[in-house]
Structures are given as C-alpha cells and as structure tokens.
Protein backbone atom coordinates (compact mmCIF):
# COMPACT_ATOMS: atom_id res chain seq x y z
CA VAL A 1 38.78 124.58 88.36
CA ASP A 2 41.37 122.04 89.37
CA GLU A 3 40.62 119.33 86.76
CA LEU A 4 39.49 119.16 83.12
CA ARG A 5 37.72 116.11 81.72
CA LEU A 6 37.52 115.86 77.93
CA ILE A 7 36.05 113.19 75.53
CA VAL A 8 37.81 113.09 72.27
CA TYR A 9 35.72 111.92 69.31
CA PRO A 10 37.51 110.58 66.13
CA LEU A 11 35.97 113.05 63.73
CA LEU A 12 37.43 115.23 60.98
CA VAL A 13 35.87 118.64 60.33
CA GLY A 14 36.73 121.98 58.98
CA GLU A 15 37.54 125.15 61.03
CA GLY A 16 35.93 125.51 64.49
CA LYS A 17 35.91 127.67 67.59
CA ALA A 18 38.90 127.77 69.98
CA LEU A 19 37.99 126.03 73.14
CA PHE A 20 39.69 128.55 75.42
CA GLY A 21 40.28 131.33 72.98
CA THR A 22 39.26 134.13 75.43
CA ALA A 23 41.39 132.92 78.34
CA LYS A 24 43.62 135.78 79.55
CA ILE A 25 45.82 133.59 81.80
CA ARG A 26 47.31 130.38 80.29
CA ARG A 27 47.93 127.49 82.65
CA GLY A 28 49.97 124.36 82.09
CA LEU A 29 48.05 121.09 82.11
CA GLU A 30 49.21 117.68 83.30
CA LEU A 31 47.65 114.58 81.64
CA ARG A 32 46.60 112.38 84.49
CA LYS A 33 44.52 109.69 82.93
CA ILE A 34 43.54 108.23 79.48
CA GLU A 35 40.60 105.86 79.11
CA ARG A 36 39.61 104.09 75.97
CA LEU A 37 35.77 104.41 75.53
CA SER A 38 33.41 102.83 73.05
CA ASP A 39 33.38 103.75 69.30
CA GLY A 40 36.98 104.88 69.37
CA ARG A 41 36.55 107.72 71.77
CA LEU A 42 39.11 108.64 74.34
CA GLY A 43 38.45 110.05 77.81
CA LEU A 44 41.28 112.40 79.00
CA VAL A 45 41.68 113.88 82.50
CA TYR A 46 43.98 116.77 82.92
CA GLY A 47 45.06 118.53 86.14
CA ILE A 48 46.51 121.95 86.57
CA ALA A 49 50.26 121.70 86.49
C-alpha cells in the first residue's frame, strides 16, 4: 500500500476499535490532500513518508 484514503465523518461516539491496532510495523504518513465533501465530511489522502 502506498496511499491511504480516508473519509472523516463529524460524529461523536464512545469507544471503538483501533483502525490499525494489529500492525506490527509502524510507518510515518504524510498528508497529501484534504478535500471538503458534502455534509461536513473531509476526504484525506495520506502517502507513506
């Protein structure tokens, strides 16, 4: 994987699962792009640093 695309929803909730809780190797990410979507959502594009 050389790019990670996330959509962030403005929502408050309780505890949840870690997205990458089982990853054995941690890699730095570089924010490459932010896009404002409808309904207050954000599109984020990260690359491996």
